[in-house]
Amino acid sequence: MDWVTGLPPGGDRSYNACLVIADIACKTPIFLPCHKDDTAMVTDLLICDRVISWTGILTNIISNRDPKFISALWTNLHKLFGTKLSLPTAYHPQAERLAERMIQTLKDMVRRFCAYGL
C-alpha cells in the first residue's frame, strides 16, 4: 500500500490523492480515490468498504511507514483480523516493488489522460 499525492482535485468530493493497493496474489491493482489529509480511521473505513469486502480479510499487508499504518488503530485492527503488517526498511522502495510499479503506471495513465484532455 502506498499513496499518490499531489493530484489535482477531482470528482464530486475533490479527491486529491489515490491510495494504491497491490494484491500480490492475483497481481491486481486497486486504486482508491482519497484525500491527502485523510485520517487513519477514514483510511481504514475506505479499505474495509472497498477492499476487504471484495477480497476478503487480508493475511499480510506490506506498507510504507506512514503514520496512518502504524497508528494504534491499525495495530488493533491487525490483532482483531489476525493479519500481519510488514514494514519494509525505510527508503527502500524495492520492498514494495509491485505497488511502486502500479503507482508508476497510474501516473503514466493520468499524464496521458490529461495530455489528451479526456
N, C-alpha and C. Protein backbone atom coordinates (compact mmCIF):
# COMPACT_ATOMS: atom_id res chain seq x y z
N MET A 1 0.83 -1.18 0.00
CA MET A 1 0.00 0.00 0.00
C MET A 1 0.87 1.23 0.00
N ASP A 2 0.42 2.22 -0.75
CA ASP A 2 1.12 3.49 -0.78
C ASP A 2 0.18 4.55 -1.33
N TRP A 3 0.55 5.78 -1.15
CA TRP A 3 -0.27 6.89 -1.63
C TRP A 3 0.40 7.58 -2.79
N VAL A 4 -0.44 8.07 -3.71
CA VAL A 4 -0.01 9.01 -4.73
C VAL A 4 -0.68 10.32 -4.34
N THR A 5 0.12 11.33 -4.07
CA THR A 5 -0.42 12.62 -3.65
C THR A 5 -0.02 13.69 -4.67
N GLY A 6 -0.55 14.88 -4.47
CA GLY A 6 -0.23 15.98 -5.37
C GLY A 6 -1.05 15.96 -6.64
N LEU A 7 -2.14 15.21 -6.63
CA LEU A 7 -3.01 15.17 -7.80
C LEU A 7 -3.93 16.39 -7.79
N PRO A 8 -4.34 16.87 -8.95
CA PRO A 8 -5.29 17.98 -8.96
C PRO A 8 -6.63 17.50 -8.41
N PRO A 9 -7.32 18.33 -7.62
CA PRO A 9 -8.62 17.92 -7.06
C PRO A 9 -9.59 17.53 -8.17
N GLY A 10 -10.28 16.44 -7.95
CA GLY A 10 -11.22 15.97 -8.96
C GLY A 10 -12.37 15.19 -8.34
N GLY A 11 -13.41 15.03 -9.10
CA GLY A 11 -14.57 14.30 -8.64
C GLY A 11 -15.48 15.17 -7.80
N ASP A 12 -16.63 14.62 -7.44
CA ASP A 12 -17.60 15.40 -6.67
C ASP A 12 -17.13 15.69 -5.26
N ARG A 13 -16.13 14.97 -4.77
CA ARG A 13 -15.61 15.21 -3.42
C ARG A 13 -14.21 15.84 -3.44
N SER A 14 -13.77 16.30 -4.59
CA SER A 14 -12.47 16.94 -4.75
C SER A 14 -11.32 16.10 -4.20
N TYR A 15 -11.27 14.84 -4.61
CA TYR A 15 -10.17 13.97 -4.19
C TYR A 15 -8.86 14.53 -4.71
N ASN A 16 -7.81 14.47 -3.89
CA ASN A 16 -6.51 14.98 -4.32
C ASN A 16 -5.39 13.96 -4.12
N ALA A 17 -5.76 12.71 -3.86
CA ALA A 17 -4.77 11.66 -3.65
C ALA A 17 -5.39 10.33 -4.08
N CYS A 18 -4.54 9.32 -4.15
CA CYS A 18 -5.01 7.99 -4.52
C CYS A 18 -4.27 6.97 -3.66
N LEU A 19 -5.01 6.10 -3.02
CA LEU A 19 -4.41 5.00 -2.26
C LEU A 19 -4.24 3.83 -3.23
N VAL A 20 -3.01 3.37 -3.37
CA VAL A 20 -2.71 2.27 -4.29
C VAL A 20 -2.47 1.01 -3.47
N ILE A 21 -3.24 -0.02 -3.78
CA ILE A 21 -3.10 -1.31 -3.11
C ILE A 21 -2.82 -2.34 -4.18
N ALA A 22 -1.76 -3.10 -4.00
CA ALA A 22 -1.40 -4.14 -4.95
C ALA A 22 -1.70 -5.49 -4.32
N ASP A 23 -2.65 -6.21 -4.91
CA ASP A 23 -2.95 -7.56 -4.45
C ASP A 23 -1.92 -8.49 -5.08
N ILE A 24 -0.97 -8.93 -4.27
CA ILE A 24 0.15 -9.72 -4.77
C ILE A 24 -0.31 -11.09 -5.28
N ALA A 25 -1.34 -11.65 -4.66
CA ALA A 25 -1.80 -12.99 -5.03
C ALA A 25 -2.28 -13.03 -6.48
N CYS A 26 -3.07 -12.05 -6.89
CA CYS A 26 -3.59 -12.07 -8.26
C CYS A 26 -3.07 -10.91 -9.10
N LYS A 27 -2.08 -10.18 -8.58
CA LYS A 27 -1.44 -9.07 -9.29
C LYS A 27 -2.45 -8.03 -9.76
N THR A 28 -3.43 -7.77 -8.93
CA THR A 28 -4.48 -6.82 -9.26
C THR A 28 -4.22 -5.48 -8.60
N PRO A 29 -4.24 -4.40 -9.37
CA PRO A 29 -4.11 -3.08 -8.75
C PRO A 29 -5.46 -2.59 -8.26
N ILE A 30 -5.46 -1.96 -7.12
CA ILE A 30 -6.67 -1.34 -6.60
C ILE A 30 -6.33 0.12 -6.35
N PHE A 31 -7.01 1.01 -7.03
CA PHE A 31 -6.79 2.44 -6.89
C PHE A 31 -8.01 3.06 -6.23
N LEU A 32 -7.81 3.66 -5.07
CA LEU A 32 -8.92 4.25 -4.33
C LEU A 32 -8.73 5.75 -4.22
N PRO A 33 -9.66 6.55 -4.75
CA PRO A 33 -9.54 7.99 -4.60
C PRO A 33 -9.72 8.38 -3.14
N CYS A 34 -8.90 9.32 -2.68
CA CYS A 34 -8.98 9.75 -1.28
C CYS A 34 -8.43 11.17 -1.17
N HIS A 35 -8.33 11.64 0.05
CA HIS A 35 -7.77 12.96 0.32
C HIS A 35 -6.41 12.81 1.00
N LYS A 36 -5.51 13.70 0.69
CA LYS A 36 -4.16 13.63 1.24
C LYS A 36 -4.17 13.66 2.77
N ASP A 37 -5.10 14.39 3.35
CA ASP A 37 -5.14 14.55 4.80
C ASP A 37 -6.15 13.63 5.49
N ASP A 38 -6.56 12.55 4.83
CA ASP A 38 -7.47 11.59 5.47
C ASP A 38 -6.80 10.99 6.71
N THR A 39 -7.58 10.75 7.74
CA THR A 39 -7.07 10.17 8.98
C THR A 39 -6.94 8.66 8.85
N ALA A 40 -6.35 8.04 9.85
CA ALA A 40 -6.22 6.58 9.87
C ALA A 40 -7.60 5.93 9.87
N MET A 41 -8.55 6.52 10.58
CA MET A 41 -9.91 5.97 10.64
C MET A 41 -10.57 6.02 9.26
N VAL A 42 -10.45 7.13 8.57
CA VAL A 42 -11.05 7.25 7.24
C VAL A 42 -10.40 6.25 6.28
N THR A 43 -9.08 6.13 6.35
CA THR A 43 -8.37 5.18 5.50
C THR A 43 -8.80 3.75 5.80
N ASP A 44 -8.94 3.42 7.08
CA ASP A 44 -9.38 2.09 7.48
C ASP A 44 -10.78 1.79 6.94
N LEU A 45 -11.68 2.73 7.09
CA LEU A 45 -13.04 2.53 6.59
C LEU A 45 -13.05 2.36 5.08
N LEU A 46 -12.21 3.12 4.40
CA LEU A 46 -12.11 3.01 2.95
C LEU A 46 -11.64 1.61 2.55
N ILE A 47 -10.62 1.12 3.23
CA ILE A 47 -10.09 -0.21 2.92
C ILE A 47 -11.11 -1.30 3.25
N CYS A 48 -11.77 -1.18 4.39
CA CYS A 48 -12.80 -2.17 4.76
C CYS A 48 -13.94 -2.17 3.76
N ASP A 49 -14.37 -0.98 3.36
CA ASP A 49 -15.52 -0.85 2.46
C ASP A 49 -15.19 -1.28 1.03
N ARG A 50 -14.03 -0.90 0.55
CA ARG A 50 -13.72 -1.10 -0.86
C ARG A 50 -12.81 -2.29 -1.16
N VAL A 51 -12.03 -2.74 -0.17
CA VAL A 51 -11.07 -3.81 -0.45
C VAL A 51 -11.45 -5.11 0.24
N ILE A 52 -11.60 -5.07 1.56
CA ILE A 52 -11.88 -6.30 2.30
C ILE A 52 -13.23 -6.89 1.90
N SER A 53 -14.20 -6.04 1.57
CA SER A 53 -15.49 -6.55 1.13
C SER A 53 -15.38 -7.27 -0.22
N TRP A 54 -14.35 -6.96 -0.99
CA TRP A 54 -14.14 -7.56 -2.30
C TRP A 54 -13.18 -8.74 -2.25
N THR A 55 -12.08 -8.60 -1.51
CA THR A 55 -11.05 -9.64 -1.50
C THR A 55 -11.13 -10.58 -0.31
N GLY A 56 -11.82 -10.16 0.74
CA GLY A 56 -11.81 -10.91 1.99
C GLY A 56 -10.71 -10.37 2.89
N ILE A 57 -10.60 -10.93 4.07
CA ILE A 57 -9.60 -10.45 5.03
C ILE A 57 -8.20 -10.76 4.50
N LEU A 58 -7.37 -9.75 4.53
CA LEU A 58 -6.01 -9.88 4.03
C LEU A 58 -5.14 -10.59 5.06
N THR A 59 -4.22 -11.41 4.61
CA THR A 59 -3.37 -12.14 5.55
C THR A 59 -2.08 -11.39 5.86
N ASN A 60 -1.56 -10.67 4.90
CA ASN A 60 -0.32 -9.93 5.10
C ASN A 60 -0.40 -8.61 4.35
N ILE A 61 -0.06 -7.54 5.01
CA ILE A 61 -0.09 -6.22 4.39
C ILE A 61 1.31 -5.65 4.44
N ILE A 62 1.83 -5.31 3.27
CA ILE A 62 3.13 -4.65 3.19
C ILE A 62 2.85 -3.19 2.93
N SER A 63 3.33 -2.35 3.81
CA SER A 63 3.03 -0.93 3.72
C SER A 63 4.28 -0.13 4.01
N ASN A 64 4.25 1.12 3.54
CA ASN A 64 5.34 2.00 3.93
C ASN A 64 5.14 2.40 5.38
N ARG A 65 6.02 3.18 5.91
CA ARG A 65 5.97 3.53 7.32
C ARG A 65 5.14 4.79 7.59
N ASP A 66 4.09 4.96 6.84
CA ASP A 66 3.22 6.11 7.04
C ASP A 66 2.57 6.01 8.43
N PRO A 67 2.48 7.12 9.15
CA PRO A 67 1.88 7.08 10.50
C PRO A 67 0.47 6.51 10.52
N LYS A 68 -0.26 6.64 9.40
CA LYS A 68 -1.61 6.09 9.35
C LYS A 68 -1.60 4.57 9.51
N PHE A 69 -0.53 3.93 9.01
CA PHE A 69 -0.47 2.48 9.04
C PHE A 69 0.17 1.92 10.30
N ILE A 70 0.82 2.75 11.08
CA ILE A 70 1.43 2.25 12.31
C ILE A 70 0.77 2.84 13.54
N SER A 71 -0.41 3.42 13.36
CA SER A 71 -1.14 4.00 14.48
C SER A 71 -1.75 2.91 15.35
N ALA A 72 -2.22 3.31 16.51
CA ALA A 72 -2.86 2.36 17.43
C ALA A 72 -4.08 1.71 16.79
N LEU A 73 -4.81 2.48 15.99
CA LEU A 73 -6.00 1.96 15.31
C LEU A 73 -5.62 0.78 14.42
N TRP A 74 -4.59 0.94 13.61
CA TRP A 74 -4.18 -0.13 12.72
C TRP A 74 -3.62 -1.31 13.47
N THR A 75 -2.87 -1.05 14.51
CA THR A 75 -2.32 -2.14 15.33
C THR A 75 -3.45 -2.98 15.90
N ASN A 76 -4.48 -2.34 16.41
CA ASN A 76 -5.63 -3.07 16.96
C ASN A 76 -6.39 -3.83 15.89
N LEU A 77 -6.53 -3.23 14.71
CA LEU A 77 -7.23 -3.93 13.63
C LEU A 77 -6.47 -5.17 13.17
N HIS A 78 -5.16 -5.08 13.13
CA HIS A 78 -4.38 -6.25 12.75
C HIS A 78 -4.55 -7.37 13.77
N LYS A 79 -4.60 -7.01 15.04
CA LYS A 79 -4.83 -8.02 16.08
C LYS A 79 -6.22 -8.63 15.93
N LEU A 80 -7.22 -7.78 15.67
CA LEU A 80 -8.59 -8.23 15.53
C LEU A 80 -8.75 -9.19 14.35
N PHE A 81 -8.19 -8.82 13.19
CA PHE A 81 -8.33 -9.64 11.98
C PHE A 81 -7.31 -10.76 11.90
N GLY A 82 -6.29 -10.72 12.74
CA GLY A 82 -5.25 -11.74 12.69
C GLY A 82 -4.32 -11.59 11.49
N THR A 83 -4.17 -10.37 11.01
CA THR A 83 -3.29 -10.12 9.87
C THR A 83 -1.91 -9.70 10.34
N LYS A 84 -0.98 -9.72 9.43
CA LYS A 84 0.39 -9.33 9.74
C LYS A 84 0.72 -8.08 8.94
N LEU A 85 1.25 -7.07 9.61
CA LEU A 85 1.69 -5.85 8.94
C LEU A 85 3.19 -5.91 8.78
N SER A 86 3.65 -5.90 7.54
CA SER A 86 5.09 -5.93 7.26
C SER A 86 5.53 -4.54 6.86
N LEU A 87 6.47 -3.99 7.61
CA LEU A 87 7.00 -2.67 7.32
C LEU A 87 8.40 -2.82 6.73
N PRO A 88 8.58 -2.43 5.48
CA PRO A 88 9.90 -2.56 4.87
C PRO A 88 10.88 -1.55 5.47
N THR A 89 12.14 -1.77 5.22
CA THR A 89 13.16 -0.84 5.65
C THR A 89 12.89 0.52 5.03
N ALA A 90 13.07 1.56 5.81
CA ALA A 90 12.79 2.91 5.32
C ALA A 90 13.65 3.24 4.09
N TYR A 91 13.04 3.97 3.17
CA TYR A 91 13.70 4.45 1.95
C TYR A 91 14.18 3.32 1.03
N HIS A 92 13.47 2.21 1.04
CA HIS A 92 13.78 1.11 0.13
C HIS A 92 12.51 0.72 -0.64
N PRO A 93 12.23 1.43 -1.73
CA PRO A 93 11.01 1.12 -2.48
C PRO A 93 11.02 -0.27 -3.11
N GLN A 94 12.18 -0.92 -3.15
CA GLN A 94 12.24 -2.27 -3.72
C GLN A 94 11.35 -3.23 -2.93
N ALA A 95 11.17 -2.95 -1.65
CA ALA A 95 10.35 -3.83 -0.82
C ALA A 95 8.89 -3.79 -1.24
N GLU A 96 8.49 -2.69 -1.87
CA GLU A 96 7.12 -2.55 -2.34
C GLU A 96 7.12 -2.49 -3.86
N ARG A 97 7.90 -3.33 -4.48
CA ARG A 97 8.13 -3.27 -5.92
C ARG A 97 6.84 -3.25 -6.73
N LEU A 98 5.90 -4.14 -6.43
CA LEU A 98 4.67 -4.21 -7.21
C LEU A 98 3.85 -2.94 -7.05
N ALA A 99 3.71 -2.45 -5.83
CA ALA A 99 2.95 -1.22 -5.60
C ALA A 99 3.63 -0.04 -6.29
N GLU A 100 4.95 0.03 -6.23
CA GLU A 100 5.68 1.13 -6.87
C GLU A 100 5.48 1.09 -8.39
N ARG A 101 5.47 -0.10 -8.97
CA ARG A 101 5.25 -0.22 -10.42
C ARG A 101 3.84 0.20 -10.78
N MET A 102 2.88 -0.16 -9.94
CA MET A 102 1.50 0.23 -10.20
C MET A 102 1.32 1.74 -10.07
N ILE A 103 2.04 2.35 -9.13
CA ILE A 103 1.99 3.80 -8.98
C ILE A 103 2.54 4.46 -10.24
N GLN A 104 3.63 3.94 -10.77
CA GLN A 104 4.21 4.50 -12.00
C GLN A 104 3.22 4.37 -13.15
N THR A 105 2.54 3.23 -13.24
CA THR A 105 1.54 3.02 -14.28
C THR A 105 0.39 4.01 -14.12
N LEU A 106 -0.06 4.22 -12.89
CA LEU A 106 -1.13 5.17 -12.63
C LEU A 106 -0.72 6.57 -13.06
N LYS A 107 0.49 6.98 -12.71
CA LYS A 107 0.97 8.31 -13.09
C LYS A 107 1.03 8.45 -14.61
N ASP A 108 1.47 7.41 -15.30
CA ASP A 108 1.50 7.45 -16.77
C ASP A 108 0.10 7.58 -17.34
N MET A 109 -0.85 6.85 -16.78
CA MET A 109 -2.23 6.92 -17.24
C MET A 109 -2.82 8.31 -17.03
N VAL A 110 -2.59 8.88 -15.85
CA VAL A 110 -3.11 10.22 -15.56
C VAL A 110 -2.47 11.25 -16.49
N ARG A 111 -1.17 11.12 -16.71
CA ARG A 111 -0.45 12.05 -17.58
C ARG A 111 -1.03 12.00 -19.00
N ARG A 112 -1.26 10.80 -19.52
CA ARG A 112 -1.82 10.67 -20.86
C ARG A 112 -3.26 11.15 -20.92
N PHE A 113 -3.99 10.86 -19.88
CA PHE A 113 -5.38 11.30 -19.79
C PHE A 113 -5.45 12.83 -19.87
N CYS A 114 -4.58 13.49 -19.11
CA CYS A 114 -4.56 14.96 -19.09
C CYS A 114 -4.02 15.53 -20.41
N ALA A 115 -3.06 14.85 -21.02
CA ALA A 115 -2.46 15.34 -22.27
C ALA A 115 -3.48 15.36 -23.40
N TYR A 116 -4.37 14.39 -23.41
CA TYR A 116 -5.36 14.32 -24.47
C TYR A 116 -6.67 15.01 -24.10
N GLY A 117 -6.75 15.54 -22.88
CA GLY A 117 -7.94 16.27 -22.46
C GLY A 117 -9.19 15.43 -22.39
N LEU A 118 -9.04 14.17 -22.04
CA LEU A 118 -10.20 13.27 -21.95
C LEU A 118 -11.02 13.54 -20.73
